[in-house]
Amino acid sequence: MIGLPAGTRIWIAAGFTDMRCGFNGLAAKVESALLDDPFSGHVFAFRGRRGNVIKLLWSSGDGLCMFAKRLEHGRFIWPQATEGKVHLTPAQLSMLLEGINWKQPERTAPLMSVL
């Protein structure tokens, strides 16, 4: 994934989105359903009904960018909410894009205390 500038917020659009939407359709959803500005520089994530396709929309300053990914096995973990938006950290976005459950990640080893 392309590195995001510092201060970029990442938002998941709760519920399902028609994955036939392109730049204009997703930008309209950001404005109407999420009540946000698609040209704000923030990243907006959308998932299809089956859960195996995700699209990200963000503005790079000189135009809109869209990233799409389809998982061949598994599905993207999504919030239970059916409307609105949910904030993610960059680390959670990375896990989401890999098909990892970003809501409850587990460490493989206990934390070591630092002296």
PDB file of N, CA and C in Angstrom:
ATOM      1  N   MET A   1       0.843  -1.176   0.000  1.00  0.00           N
ATOM      2  CA  MET A   1       0.000   0.000   0.000  1.00  0.00           C
ATOM      3  C   MET A   1       0.887   1.238   0.000  1.00  0.00           C
ATOM      4  N   ILE A   2       0.403   2.300  -0.569  1.00  0.00           N
ATOM      5  CA  ILE A   2       1.122   3.557  -0.631  1.00  0.00           C
ATOM      6  C   ILE A   2       1.152   4.185   0.762  1.00  0.00           C
ATOM      7  N   GLY A   3       2.302   4.756   1.139  1.00  0.00           N
ATOM      8  CA  GLY A   3       2.418   5.407   2.441  1.00  0.00           C
ATOM      9  C   GLY A   3       1.498   6.608   2.546  1.00  0.00           C
ATOM     10  N   LEU A   4       0.870   6.755   3.685  1.00  0.00           N
ATOM     11  CA  LEU A   4      -0.067   7.853   3.901  1.00  0.00           C
ATOM     12  C   LEU A   4       0.618   8.988   4.648  1.00  0.00           C
ATOM     13  N   PRO A   5       0.305  10.235   4.296  1.00  0.00           N
ATOM     14  CA  PRO A   5       0.883  11.370   5.016  1.00  0.00           C
ATOM     15  C   PRO A   5       0.473  11.367   6.494  1.00  0.00           C
ATOM     16  N   ALA A   6       1.306  11.942   7.335  1.00  0.00           N
ATOM     17  CA  ALA A   6       0.986  12.051   8.760  1.00  0.00           C
ATOM     18  C   ALA A   6      -0.321  12.809   8.934  1.00  0.00           C
ATOM     19  N   GLY A   7      -1.116  12.367   9.862  1.00  0.00           N
ATOM     20  CA  GLY A   7      -2.391  13.021  10.143  1.00  0.00           C
ATOM     21  C   GLY A   7      -3.550  12.521   9.308  1.00  0.00           C
ATOM     22  N   THR A   8      -3.292  11.606   8.384  1.00  0.00           N
ATOM     23  CA  THR A   8      -4.377  11.059   7.569  1.00  0.00           C
ATOM     24  C   THR A   8      -5.269  10.187   8.437  1.00  0.00           C
ATOM     25  N   ARG A   9      -6.556  10.423   8.379  1.00  0.00           N
ATOM     26  CA  ARG A   9      -7.523   9.606   9.123  1.00  0.00           C
ATOM     27  C   ARG A   9      -8.030   8.508   8.196  1.00  0.00           C
ATOM     28  N   ILE A  10      -8.338   7.368   8.756  1.00  0.00           N
ATOM     29  CA  ILE A  10      -8.829   6.225   7.986  1.00  0.00           C
ATOM     30  C   ILE A  10     -10.211   5.884   8.510  1.00  0.00           C
ATOM     31  N   TRP A  11     -11.178   5.837   7.612  1.00  0.00           N
ATOM     32  CA  TRP A  11     -12.568   5.587   7.986  1.00  0.00           C
ATOM     33  C   TRP A  11     -13.118   4.393   7.225  1.00  0.00           C
ATOM     34  N   ILE A  12     -13.811   3.513   7.935  1.00  0.00           N
ATOM     35  CA  ILE A  12     -14.561   2.416   7.314  1.00  0.00           C
ATOM     36  C   ILE A  12     -16.003   2.874   7.196  1.00  0.00           C
ATOM     37  N   ALA A  13     -16.570   2.712   6.016  1.00  0.00           N
ATOM     38  CA  ALA A  13     -17.998   2.977   5.823  1.00  0.00           C
ATOM     39  C   ALA A  13     -18.756   1.742   6.288  1.00  0.00           C
ATOM     40  N   ALA A  14     -19.513   1.872   7.375  1.00  0.00           N
ATOM     41  CA  ALA A  14     -20.250   0.734   7.927  1.00  0.00           C
ATOM     42  C   ALA A  14     -21.297   0.259   6.919  1.00  0.00           C
ATOM     43  N   GLY A  15     -21.657  -0.989   7.016  1.00  0.00           N
ATOM     44  CA  GLY A  15     -22.636  -1.554   6.090  1.00  0.00           C
ATOM     45  C   GLY A  15     -21.971  -2.014   4.809  1.00  0.00           C
ATOM     46  N   PHE A  16     -22.789  -2.282   3.804  1.00  0.00           N
ATOM     47  CA  PHE A  16     -22.291  -2.795   2.538  1.00  0.00           C
ATOM     48  C   PHE A  16     -22.415  -1.750   1.448  1.00  0.00           C
ATOM     49  N   THR A  17     -21.534  -1.816   0.472  1.00  0.00           N
ATOM     50  CA  THR A  17     -21.516  -0.887  -0.646  1.00  0.00           C
ATOM     51  C   THR A  17     -21.558  -1.676  -1.946  1.00  0.00           C
ATOM     52  N   ASP A  18     -22.260  -1.155  -2.921  1.00  0.00           N
ATOM     53  CA  ASP A  18     -22.289  -1.750  -4.256  1.00  0.00           C
ATOM     54  C   ASP A  18     -20.900  -1.589  -4.865  1.00  0.00           C
ATOM     55  N   MET A  19     -20.204  -2.690  -5.089  1.00  0.00           N
ATOM     56  CA  MET A  19     -18.833  -2.638  -5.575  1.00  0.00           C
ATOM     57  C   MET A  19     -18.738  -2.267  -7.052  1.00  0.00           C
ATOM     58  N   ARG A  20     -19.863  -2.043  -7.701  1.00  0.00           N
ATOM     59  CA  ARG A  20     -19.835  -1.516  -9.066  1.00  0.00           C
ATOM     60  C   ARG A  20     -19.538  -0.021  -9.063  1.00  0.00           C
ATOM     61  N   CYS A  21     -19.629   0.611  -7.879  1.00  0.00           N
ATOM     62  CA  CYS A  21     -19.349   2.050  -7.767  1.00  0.00           C
ATOM     63  C   CYS A  21     -17.888   2.329  -8.092  1.00  0.00           C
ATOM     64  N   GLY A  22     -17.679   3.427  -8.790  1.00  0.00           N
ATOM     65  CA  GLY A  22     -16.331   3.891  -9.094  1.00  0.00           C
ATOM     66  C   GLY A  22     -16.036   5.141  -8.297  1.00  0.00           C
ATOM     67  N   PHE A  23     -15.170   5.979  -8.847  1.00  0.00           N
ATOM     68  CA  PHE A  23     -14.768   7.203  -8.157  1.00  0.00           C
ATOM     69  C   PHE A  23     -15.972   8.061  -7.765  1.00  0.00           C
ATOM     70  N   ASN A  24     -16.824   8.363  -8.722  1.00  0.00           N
ATOM     71  CA  ASN A  24     -17.950   9.267  -8.456  1.00  0.00           C
ATOM     72  C   ASN A  24     -18.955   8.669  -7.479  1.00  0.00           C
ATOM     73  N   GLY A  25     -19.269   7.386  -7.629  1.00  0.00           N
ATOM     74  CA  GLY A  25     -20.233   6.745  -6.735  1.00  0.00           C
ATOM     75  C   GLY A  25     -19.738   6.684  -5.302  1.00  0.00           C
ATOM     76  N   LEU A  26     -18.463   6.348  -5.119  1.00  0.00           N
ATOM     77  CA  LEU A  26     -17.909   6.279  -3.769  1.00  0.00           C
ATOM     78  C   LEU A  26     -17.772   7.677  -3.165  1.00  0.00           C
ATOM     79  N   ALA A  27     -17.381   8.668  -3.984  1.00  0.00           N
ATOM     80  CA  ALA A  27     -17.288  10.044  -3.484  1.00  0.00           C
ATOM     81  C   ALA A  27     -18.659  10.543  -3.036  1.00  0.00           C
ATOM     82  N   ALA A  28     -19.701  10.188  -3.790  1.00  0.00           N
ATOM     83  CA  ALA A  28     -21.062  10.585  -3.412  1.00  0.00           C
ATOM     84  C   ALA A  28     -21.468   9.922  -2.105  1.00  0.00           C
ATOM     85  N   LYS A  29     -21.059   8.659  -1.907  1.00  0.00           N
ATOM     86  CA  LYS A  29     -21.381   7.964  -0.656  1.00  0.00           C
ATOM     87  C   LYS A  29     -20.664   8.616   0.526  1.00  0.00           C
ATOM     88  N   VAL A  30     -19.422   9.052   0.319  1.00  0.00           N
ATOM     89  CA  VAL A  30     -18.688   9.748   1.385  1.00  0.00           C
ATOM     90  C   VAL A  30     -19.447  11.005   1.796  1.00  0.00           C
ATOM     91  N   GLU A  31     -19.945  11.747   0.803  1.00  0.00           N
ATOM     92  CA  GLU A  31     -20.652  12.989   1.105  1.00  0.00           C
ATOM     93  C   GLU A  31     -22.017  12.751   1.738  1.00  0.00           C
ATOM     94  N   SER A  32     -22.801  11.825   1.177  1.00  0.00           N
ATOM     95  CA  SER A  32     -24.182  11.661   1.641  1.00  0.00           C
ATOM     96  C   SER A  32     -24.303  10.757   2.861  1.00  0.00           C
ATOM     97  N   ALA A  33     -23.676   9.607   2.850  1.00  0.00           N
ATOM     98  CA  ALA A  33     -23.842   8.647   3.951  1.00  0.00           C
ATOM     99  C   ALA A  33     -22.882   8.909   5.107  1.00  0.00           C
ATOM    100  N   LEU A  34     -21.650   9.311   4.792  1.00  0.00           N
ATOM    101  CA  LEU A  34     -20.653   9.508   5.847  1.00  0.00           C
ATOM    102  C   LEU A  34     -20.551  10.971   6.289  1.00  0.00           C
ATOM    103  N   LEU A  35     -21.220  11.865   5.558  1.00  0.00           N
ATOM    104  CA  LEU A  35     -21.217  13.297   5.863  1.00  0.00           C
ATOM    105  C   LEU A  35     -19.799  13.837   5.995  1.00  0.00           C
ATOM    106  N   ASP A  36     -18.969  13.508   5.000  1.00  0.00           N
ATOM    107  CA  ASP A  36     -17.575  13.934   5.009  1.00  0.00           C
ATOM    108  C   ASP A  36     -17.208  14.421   3.615  1.00  0.00           C
ATOM    109  N   ASP A  37     -16.027  14.977   3.489  1.00  0.00           N
ATOM    110  CA  ASP A  37     -15.539  15.506   2.220  1.00  0.00           C
ATOM    111  C   ASP A  37     -14.590  14.490   1.586  1.00  0.00           C
ATOM    112  N   PRO A  38     -14.918  13.966   0.403  1.00  0.00           N
ATOM    113  CA  PRO A  38     -14.038  12.975  -0.228  1.00  0.00           C
ATOM    114  C   PRO A  38     -12.674  13.556  -0.628  1.00  0.00           C
ATOM    115  N   PHE A  39     -12.556  14.879  -0.660  1.00  0.00           N
ATOM    116  CA  PHE A  39     -11.299  15.533  -1.023  1.00  0.00           C
ATOM    117  C   PHE A  39     -10.519  16.007   0.200  1.00  0.00           C
ATOM    118  N   SER A  40     -10.862  15.484   1.381  1.00  0.00           N
ATOM    119  CA  SER A  40     -10.217  15.882   2.635  1.00  0.00           C
ATOM    120  C   SER A  40      -8.819  15.298   2.791  1.00  0.00           C
ATOM    121  N   GLY A  41      -8.484  14.282   2.004  1.00  0.00           N
ATOM    122  CA  GLY A  41      -7.199  13.601   2.155  1.00  0.00           C
ATOM    123  C   GLY A  41      -7.297  12.373   3.038  1.00  0.00           C
ATOM    124  N   HIS A  42      -8.437  12.169   3.665  1.00  0.00           N
ATOM    125  CA  HIS A  42      -8.638  10.989   4.488  1.00  0.00           C
ATOM    126  C   HIS A  42      -8.930   9.782   3.603  1.00  0.00           C
ATOM    127  N   VAL A  43      -8.733   8.593   4.155  1.00  0.00           N
ATOM    128  CA  VAL A  43      -8.975   7.349   3.434  1.00  0.00           C
ATOM    129  C   VAL A  43     -10.338   6.810   3.853  1.00  0.00           C
ATOM    130  N   PHE A  44     -11.138   6.407   2.882  1.00  0.00           N
ATOM    131  CA  PHE A  44     -12.466   5.848   3.134  1.00  0.00           C
ATOM    132  C   PHE A  44     -12.503   4.432   2.560  1.00  0.00           C
ATOM    133  N   ALA A  45     -12.864   3.455   3.394  1.00  0.00           N
ATOM    134  CA  ALA A  45     -12.889   2.050   2.992  1.00  0.00           C
ATOM    135  C   ALA A  45     -14.333   1.573   2.848  1.00  0.00           C
ATOM    136  N   PHE A  46     -14.580   0.803   1.794  1.00  0.00           N
ATOM    137  CA  PHE A  46     -15.911   0.273   1.490  1.00  0.00           C
ATOM    138  C   PHE A  46     -15.778  -1.221   1.217  1.00  0.00           C
ATOM    139  N   ARG A  47     -16.785  -1.994   1.659  1.00  0.00           N
ATOM    140  CA  ARG A  47     -16.778  -3.447   1.458  1.00  0.00           C
ATOM    141  C   ARG A  47     -18.054  -3.875   0.767  1.00  0.00           C
ATOM    142  N   GLY A  48     -17.932  -4.859  -0.112  1.00  0.00           N
ATOM    143  CA  GLY A  48     -19.091  -5.420  -0.791  1.00  0.00           C
ATOM    144  C   GLY A  48     -19.864  -6.362   0.108  1.00  0.00           C
ATOM    145  N   ARG A  49     -21.044  -6.772  -0.348  1.00  0.00           N
ATOM    146  CA  ARG A  49     -21.930  -7.625   0.444  1.00  0.00           C
ATOM    147  C   ARG A  49     -21.305  -8.975   0.793  1.00  0.00           C
ATOM    148  N   ARG A  50     -20.614  -9.605  -0.156  1.00  0.00           N
ATOM    149  CA  ARG A  50     -20.011 -10.910   0.112  1.00  0.00           C
ATOM    150  C   ARG A  50     -18.800 -10.825   1.036  1.00  0.00           C
ATOM    151  N   GLY A  51     -18.209  -9.641   1.149  1.00  0.00           N
ATOM    152  CA  GLY A  51     -17.105  -9.448   2.091  1.00  0.00           C
ATOM    153  C   GLY A  51     -15.731  -9.778   1.554  1.00  0.00           C
ATOM    154  N   ASN A  52     -15.633 -10.170   0.287  1.00  0.00           N
ATOM    155  CA  ASN A  52     -14.316 -10.521  -0.238  1.00  0.00           C
ATOM    156  C   ASN A  52     -13.706  -9.410  -1.104  1.00  0.00           C
ATOM    157  N   VAL A  53     -14.428  -8.300  -1.287  1.00  0.00           N
ATOM    158  CA  VAL A  53     -13.929  -7.173  -2.074  1.00  0.00           C
ATOM    159  C   VAL A  53     -13.947  -5.910  -1.216  1.00  0.00           C
ATOM    160  N   ILE A  54     -12.865  -5.147  -1.315  1.00  0.00           N
ATOM    161  CA  ILE A  54     -12.767  -3.886  -0.599  1.00  0.00           C
ATOM    162  C   ILE A  54     -12.258  -2.829  -1.568  1.00  0.00           C
ATOM    163  N   LYS A  55     -12.729  -1.597  -1.388  1.00  0.00           N
ATOM    164  CA  LYS A  55     -12.233  -0.456  -2.146  1.00  0.00           C
ATOM    165  C   LYS A  55     -11.901   0.665  -1.174  1.00  0.00           C
ATOM    166  N   LEU A  56     -10.777   1.324  -1.426  1.00  0.00           N
ATOM    167  CA  LEU A  56     -10.362   2.486  -0.650  1.00  0.00           C
ATOM    168  C   LEU A  56     -10.380   3.693  -1.569  1.00  0.00           C
ATOM    169  N   LEU A  57     -10.854   4.808  -1.057  1.00  0.00           N
ATOM    170  CA  LEU A  57     -10.905   6.057  -1.815  1.00  0.00           C
ATOM    171  C   LEU A  57     -10.218   7.135  -1.003  1.00  0.00           C
ATOM    172  N   TRP A  58      -9.330   7.913  -1.633  1.00  0.00           N
ATOM    173  CA  TRP A  58      -8.717   9.051  -0.966  1.00  0.00           C
ATOM    174  C   TRP A  58      -8.276  10.071  -2.005  1.00  0.00           C
ATOM    175  N   SER A  59      -8.095  11.281  -1.565  1.00  0.00           N
ATOM    176  CA  SER A  59      -7.643  12.360  -2.438  1.00  0.00           C
ATOM    177  C   SER A  59      -6.164  12.603  -2.187  1.00  0.00           C
ATOM    178  N   SER A  60      -5.391  12.643  -3.260  1.00  0.00           N
ATOM    179  CA  SER A  60      -3.950  12.884  -3.141  1.00  0.00           C
ATOM    180  C   SER A  60      -3.607  14.361  -3.277  1.00  0.00           C
ATOM    181  N   GLY A  61      -4.621  15.198  -3.389  1.00  0.00           N
ATOM    182  CA  GLY A  61      -4.400  16.627  -3.536  1.00  0.00           C
ATOM    183  C   GLY A  61      -4.606  17.096  -4.963  1.00  0.00           C
ATOM    184  N   ASP A  62      -4.253  16.256  -5.921  1.00  0.00           N
ATOM    185  CA  ASP A  62      -4.453  16.633  -7.318  1.00  0.00           C
ATOM    186  C   ASP A  62      -5.464  15.728  -8.018  1.00  0.00           C
ATOM    187  N   GLY A  63      -6.101  14.842  -7.254  1.00  0.00           N
ATOM    188  CA  GLY A  63      -7.120  13.961  -7.818  1.00  0.00           C
ATOM    189  C   GLY A  63      -7.484  12.856  -6.851  1.00  0.00           C
ATOM    190  N   LEU A  64      -8.532  12.105  -7.191  1.00  0.00           N
ATOM    191  CA  LEU A  64      -8.955  10.979  -6.354  1.00  0.00           C
ATOM    192  C   LEU A  64      -8.178   9.728  -6.735  1.00  0.00           C
ATOM    193  N   CYS A  65      -7.882   8.919  -5.731  1.00  0.00           N
ATOM    194  CA  CYS A  65      -7.213   7.632  -5.926  1.00  0.00           C
ATOM    195  C   CYS A  65      -8.146   6.539  -5.428  1.00  0.00           C
ATOM    196  N   MET A  66      -8.106   5.391  -6.086  1.00  0.00           N
ATOM    197  CA  MET A  66      -8.918   4.259  -5.644  1.00  0.00           C
ATOM    198  C   MET A  66      -8.055   3.004  -5.668  1.00  0.00           C
ATOM    199  N   PHE A  67      -8.153   2.242  -4.593  1.00  0.00           N
ATOM    200  CA  PHE A  67      -7.458   0.968  -4.451  1.00  0.00           C
ATOM    201  C   PHE A  67      -8.528  -0.091  -4.292  1.00  0.00           C
ATOM    202  N   ALA A  68      -8.408  -1.185  -5.019  1.00  0.00           N
ATOM    203  CA  ALA A  68      -9.372  -2.282  -4.895  1.00  0.00           C
ATOM    204  C   ALA A  68      -8.613  -3.579  -4.651  1.00  0.00           C
ATOM    205  N   LYS A  69      -9.191  -4.444  -3.800  1.00  0.00           N
ATOM    206  CA  LYS A  69      -8.592  -5.746  -3.531  1.00  0.00           C
ATOM    207  C   LYS A  69      -9.692  -6.782  -3.368  1.00  0.00           C
ATOM    208  N   ARG A  70      -9.452  -7.961  -3.940  1.00  0.00           N
ATOM    209  CA  ARG A  70     -10.370  -9.081  -3.784  1.00  0.00           C
ATOM    210  C   ARG A  70      -9.602 -10.229  -3.145  1.00  0.00           C
ATOM    211  N   LEU A  71     -10.136 -10.771  -2.048  1.00  0.00           N
ATOM    212  CA  LEU A  71      -9.536 -11.940  -1.411  1.00  0.00           C
ATOM    213  C   LEU A  71     -10.040 -13.196  -2.115  1.00  0.00           C
ATOM    214  N   GLU A  72      -9.144 -14.072  -2.466  1.00  0.00           N
ATOM    215  CA  GLU A  72      -9.547 -15.331  -3.090  1.00  0.00           C
ATOM    216  C   GLU A  72     -10.106 -16.299  -2.054  1.00  0.00           C
ATOM    217  N   HIS A  73      -9.627 -16.180  -0.821  1.00  0.00           N
ATOM    218  CA  HIS A  73     -10.121 -17.014   0.283  1.00  0.00           C
ATOM    219  C   HIS A  73     -10.314 -16.112   1.493  1.00  0.00           C
ATOM    220  N   GLY A  74     -11.391 -16.326   2.221  1.00  0.00           N
ATOM    221  CA  GLY A  74     -11.666 -15.511   3.404  1.00  0.00           C
ATOM    222  C   GLY A  74     -12.429 -14.258   3.049  1.00  0.00           C
ATOM    223  N   ARG A  75     -12.574 -13.394   4.054  1.00  0.00           N
ATOM    224  CA  ARG A  75     -13.286 -12.134   3.843  1.00  0.00           C
ATOM    225  C   ARG A  75     -12.717 -11.067   4.748  1.00  0.00           C
ATOM    226  N   PHE A  76     -13.020  -9.822   4.389  1.00  0.00           N
ATOM    227  CA  PHE A  76     -12.571  -8.678   5.163  1.00  0.00           C
ATOM    228  C   PHE A  76     -13.477  -8.522   6.384  1.00  0.00           C
ATOM    229  N   ILE A  77     -12.864  -8.333   7.558  1.00  0.00           N
ATOM    230  CA  ILE A  77     -13.615  -8.165   8.805  1.00  0.00           C
ATOM    231  C   ILE A  77     -14.174  -6.745   8.837  1.00  0.00           C
ATOM    232  N   TRP A  78     -15.482  -6.640   9.126  1.00  0.00           N
ATOM    233  CA  TRP A  78     -16.165  -5.347   9.066  1.00  0.00           C
ATOM    234  C   TRP A  78     -16.903  -5.095  10.369  1.00  0.00           C
ATOM    235  N   PRO A  79     -17.137  -3.835  10.741  1.00  0.00           N
ATOM    236  CA  PRO A  79     -17.874  -3.532  11.973  1.00  0.00           C
ATOM    237  C   PRO A  79     -19.320  -4.027  11.907  1.00  0.00           C
ATOM    238  N   GLN A  80     -19.940  -4.232  13.051  1.00  0.00           N
ATOM    239  CA  GLN A  80     -21.335  -4.674  13.130  1.00  0.00           C
ATOM    240  C   GLN A  80     -22.312  -3.581  12.718  1.00  0.00           C
ATOM    241  N   ALA A  81     -21.913  -2.321  12.861  1.00  0.00           N
ATOM    242  CA  ALA A  81     -22.806  -1.192  12.540  1.00  0.00           C
ATOM    243  C   ALA A  81     -23.269  -1.271  11.089  1.00  0.00           C
ATOM    244  N   THR A  82     -24.467  -0.777  10.829  1.00  0.00           N
ATOM    245  CA  THR A  82     -25.014  -0.802   9.476  1.00  0.00           C
ATOM    246  C   THR A  82     -24.961   0.557   8.794  1.00  0.00           C
ATOM    247  N   GLU A  83     -24.631   1.600   9.543  1.00  0.00           N
ATOM    248  CA  GLU A  83     -24.503   2.929   8.946  1.00  0.00           C
ATOM    249  C   GLU A  83     -23.485   3.737   9.726  1.00  0.00           C
ATOM    250  N   GLY A  84     -23.015   4.811   9.118  1.00  0.00           N
ATOM    251  CA  GLY A  84     -22.006   5.651   9.749  1.00  0.00           C
ATOM    252  C   GLY A  84     -20.609   5.206   9.366  1.00  0.00           C
ATOM    253  N   LYS A  85     -19.639   5.620  10.182  1.00  0.00           N
ATOM    254  CA  LYS A  85     -18.246   5.296   9.883  1.00  0.00           C
ATOM    255  C   LYS A  85     -17.502   4.932  11.158  1.00  0.00           C
ATOM    256  N   VAL A  86     -16.439   4.167  10.986  1.00  0.00           N
ATOM    257  CA  VAL A  86     -15.620   3.693  12.103  1.00  0.00           C
ATOM    258  C   VAL A  86     -14.177   4.081  11.799  1.00  0.00           C
ATOM    259  N   HIS A  87     -13.479   4.632  12.789  1.00  0.00           N
ATOM    260  CA  HIS A  87     -12.081   5.055  12.614  1.00  0.00           C
ATOM    261  C   HIS A  87     -11.137   3.873  12.771  1.00  0.00           C
ATOM    262  N   LEU A  88     -10.106   3.805  11.926  1.00  0.00           N
ATOM    263  CA  LEU A  88      -9.050   2.793  12.023  1.00  0.00           C
ATOM    264  C   LEU A  88      -7.697   3.468  12.144  1.00  0.00           C
ATOM    265  N   THR A  89      -6.753   2.779  12.754  1.00  0.00           N
ATOM    266  CA  THR A  89      -5.363   3.230  12.763  1.00  0.00           C
ATOM    267  C   THR A  89      -4.690   2.675  11.504  1.00  0.00           C
ATOM    268  N   PRO A  90      -3.537   3.221  11.118  1.00  0.00           N
ATOM    269  CA  PRO A  90      -2.819   2.644   9.973  1.00  0.00           C
ATOM    270  C   PRO A  90      -2.484   1.165  10.165  1.00  0.00           C
ATOM    271  N   ALA A  91      -2.157   0.755  11.392  1.00  0.00           N
ATOM    272  CA  ALA A  91      -1.864  -0.660  11.660  1.00  0.00           C
ATOM    273  C   ALA A  91      -3.104  -1.521  11.442  1.00  0.00           C
ATOM    274  N   GLN A  92      -4.267  -1.044  11.893  1.00  0.00           N
ATOM    275  CA  GLN A  92      -5.511  -1.787  11.684  1.00  0.00           C
ATOM    276  C   GLN A  92      -5.846  -1.885  10.201  1.00  0.00           C
ATOM    277  N   LEU A  93      -5.580  -0.817   9.447  1.00  0.00           N
ATOM    278  CA  LEU A  93      -5.824  -0.858   8.006  1.00  0.00           C
ATOM    279  C   LEU A  93      -4.942  -1.919   7.350  1.00  0.00           C
ATOM    280  N   SER A  94      -3.691  -1.993   7.753  1.00  0.00           N
ATOM    281  CA  SER A  94      -2.789  -3.013   7.209  1.00  0.00           C
ATOM    282  C   SER A  94      -3.312  -4.412   7.479  1.00  0.00           C
ATOM    283  N   MET A  95      -3.778  -4.645   8.705  1.00  0.00           N
ATOM    284  CA  MET A  95      -4.339  -5.954   9.040  1.00  0.00           C
ATOM    285  C   MET A  95      -5.592  -6.231   8.226  1.00  0.00           C
ATOM    286  N   LEU A  96      -6.465  -5.237   8.124  1.00  0.00           N
ATOM    287  CA  LEU A  96      -7.694  -5.384   7.351  1.00  0.00           C
ATOM    288  C   LEU A  96      -7.387  -5.807   5.928  1.00  0.00           C
ATOM    289  N   LEU A  97      -6.433  -5.131   5.281  1.00  0.00           N
ATOM    290  CA  LEU A  97      -6.104  -5.421   3.891  1.00  0.00           C
ATOM    291  C   LEU A  97      -5.476  -6.801   3.701  1.00  0.00           C
ATOM    292  N   GLU A  98      -4.930  -7.370   4.772  1.00  0.00           N
ATOM    293  CA  GLU A  98      -4.365  -8.713   4.709  1.00  0.00           C
ATOM    294  C   GLU A  98      -5.389  -9.792   5.065  1.00  0.00           C
ATOM    295  N   GLY A  99      -6.608  -9.375   5.395  1.00  0.00           N
ATOM    296  CA  GLY A  99      -7.639 -10.336   5.763  1.00  0.00           C
ATOM    297  C   GLY A  99      -7.529 -10.793   7.209  1.00  0.00           C
ATOM    298  N   ILE A 100      -6.813 -10.031   8.029  1.00  0.00           N
ATOM    299  CA  ILE A 100      -6.622 -10.360   9.448  1.00  0.00           C
ATOM    300  C   ILE A 100      -7.708  -9.660  10.258  1.00  0.00           C
ATOM    301  N   ASN A 101      -8.181 -10.308  11.311  1.00  0.00           N
ATOM    302  CA  ASN A 101      -9.183  -9.702  12.182  1.00  0.00           C
ATOM    303  C   ASN A 101      -8.542  -8.556  12.955  1.00  0.00           C
ATOM    304  N   TRP A 102      -8.730  -7.327  12.500  1.00  0.00           N
ATOM    305  CA  TRP A 102      -8.138  -6.140  13.108  1.00  0.00           C
ATOM    306  C   TRP A 102      -8.813  -5.778  14.421  1.00  0.00           C
ATOM    307  N   LYS A 103     -10.015  -6.330  14.683  1.00  0.00           N
ATOM    308  CA  LYS A 103     -10.740  -5.978  15.906  1.00  0.00           C
ATOM    309  C   LYS A 103     -10.144  -6.643  17.140  1.00  0.00           C
ATOM    310  N   GLN A 104      -9.621  -7.857  16.969  1.00  0.00           N
ATOM    311  CA  GLN A 104      -9.070  -8.590  18.108  1.00  0.00           C
ATOM    312  C   GLN A 104      -7.770  -9.289  17.723  1.00  0.00           C
ATOM    313  N   PRO A 105      -6.758  -8.530  17.326  1.00  0.00           N
ATOM    314  CA  PRO A 105      -5.484  -9.185  17.000  1.00  0.00           C
ATOM    315  C   PRO A 105      -4.859  -9.760  18.264  1.00  0.00           C
ATOM    316  N   GLU A 106      -4.162 -10.843  18.115  1.00  0.00           N
ATOM    317  CA  GLU A 106      -3.525 -11.482  19.267  1.00  0.00           C
ATOM    318  C   GLU A 106      -2.022 -11.487  19.073  1.00  0.00           C
ATOM    319  N   ARG A 107      -1.307 -11.191  20.135  1.00  0.00           N
ATOM    320  CA  ARG A 107       0.155 -11.270  20.089  1.00  0.00           C
ATOM    321  C   ARG A 107       0.563 -12.742  20.130  1.00  0.00           C
ATOM    322  N   THR A 108       1.650 -13.041  19.455  1.00  0.00           N
ATOM    323  CA  THR A 108       2.131 -14.428  19.440  1.00  0.00           C
ATOM    324  C   THR A 108       3.010 -14.736  20.635  1.00  0.00           C
ATOM    325  N   ALA A 109       3.454 -13.702  21.341  1.00  0.00           N
ATOM    326  CA  ALA A 109       4.266 -13.891  22.536  1.00  0.00           C
ATOM    327  C   ALA A 109       3.872 -12.825  23.556  1.00  0.00           C
ATOM    328  N   PRO A 110       4.019 -13.135  24.845  1.00  0.00           N
ATOM    329  CA  PRO A 110       3.688 -12.121  25.855  1.00  0.00           C
ATOM    330  C   PRO A 110       4.637 -10.933  25.774  1.00  0.00           C
ATOM    331  N   LEU A 111       4.164  -9.784  26.184  1.00  0.00           N
ATOM    332  CA  LEU A 111       5.000  -8.585  26.200  1.00  0.00           C
ATOM    333  C   LEU A 111       6.098  -8.738  27.246  1.00  0.00           C
ATOM    334  N   MET A 112       7.292  -8.310  26.879  1.00  0.00           N
ATOM    335  CA  MET A 112       8.423  -8.347  27.809  1.00  0.00           C
ATOM    336  C   MET A 112       8.480  -6.992  28.507  1.00  0.00           C
ATOM    337  N   SER A 113       8.723  -7.005  29.793  1.00  0.00           N
ATOM    338  CA  SER A 113       8.842  -5.729  30.507  1.00  0.00           C
ATOM    339  C   SER A 113      10.241  -5.166  30.254  1.00  0.00           C
ATOM    340  N   VAL A 114      10.267  -3.870  30.037  1.00  0.00           N
ATOM    341  CA  VAL A 114      11.537  -3.175  29.788  1.00  0.00           C
ATOM    342  C   VAL A 114      12.005  -2.564  31.089  1.00  0.00           C
ATOM    343  N   LEU A 115      13.251  -2.783  31.438  1.00  0.00           N
ATOM    344  CA  LEU A 115      13.804  -2.239  32.681  1.00  0.00           C
ATOM    345  C   LEU A 115      14.344  -0.869  32.485  1.00  0.00           C
TER     346      LEU A 115
END
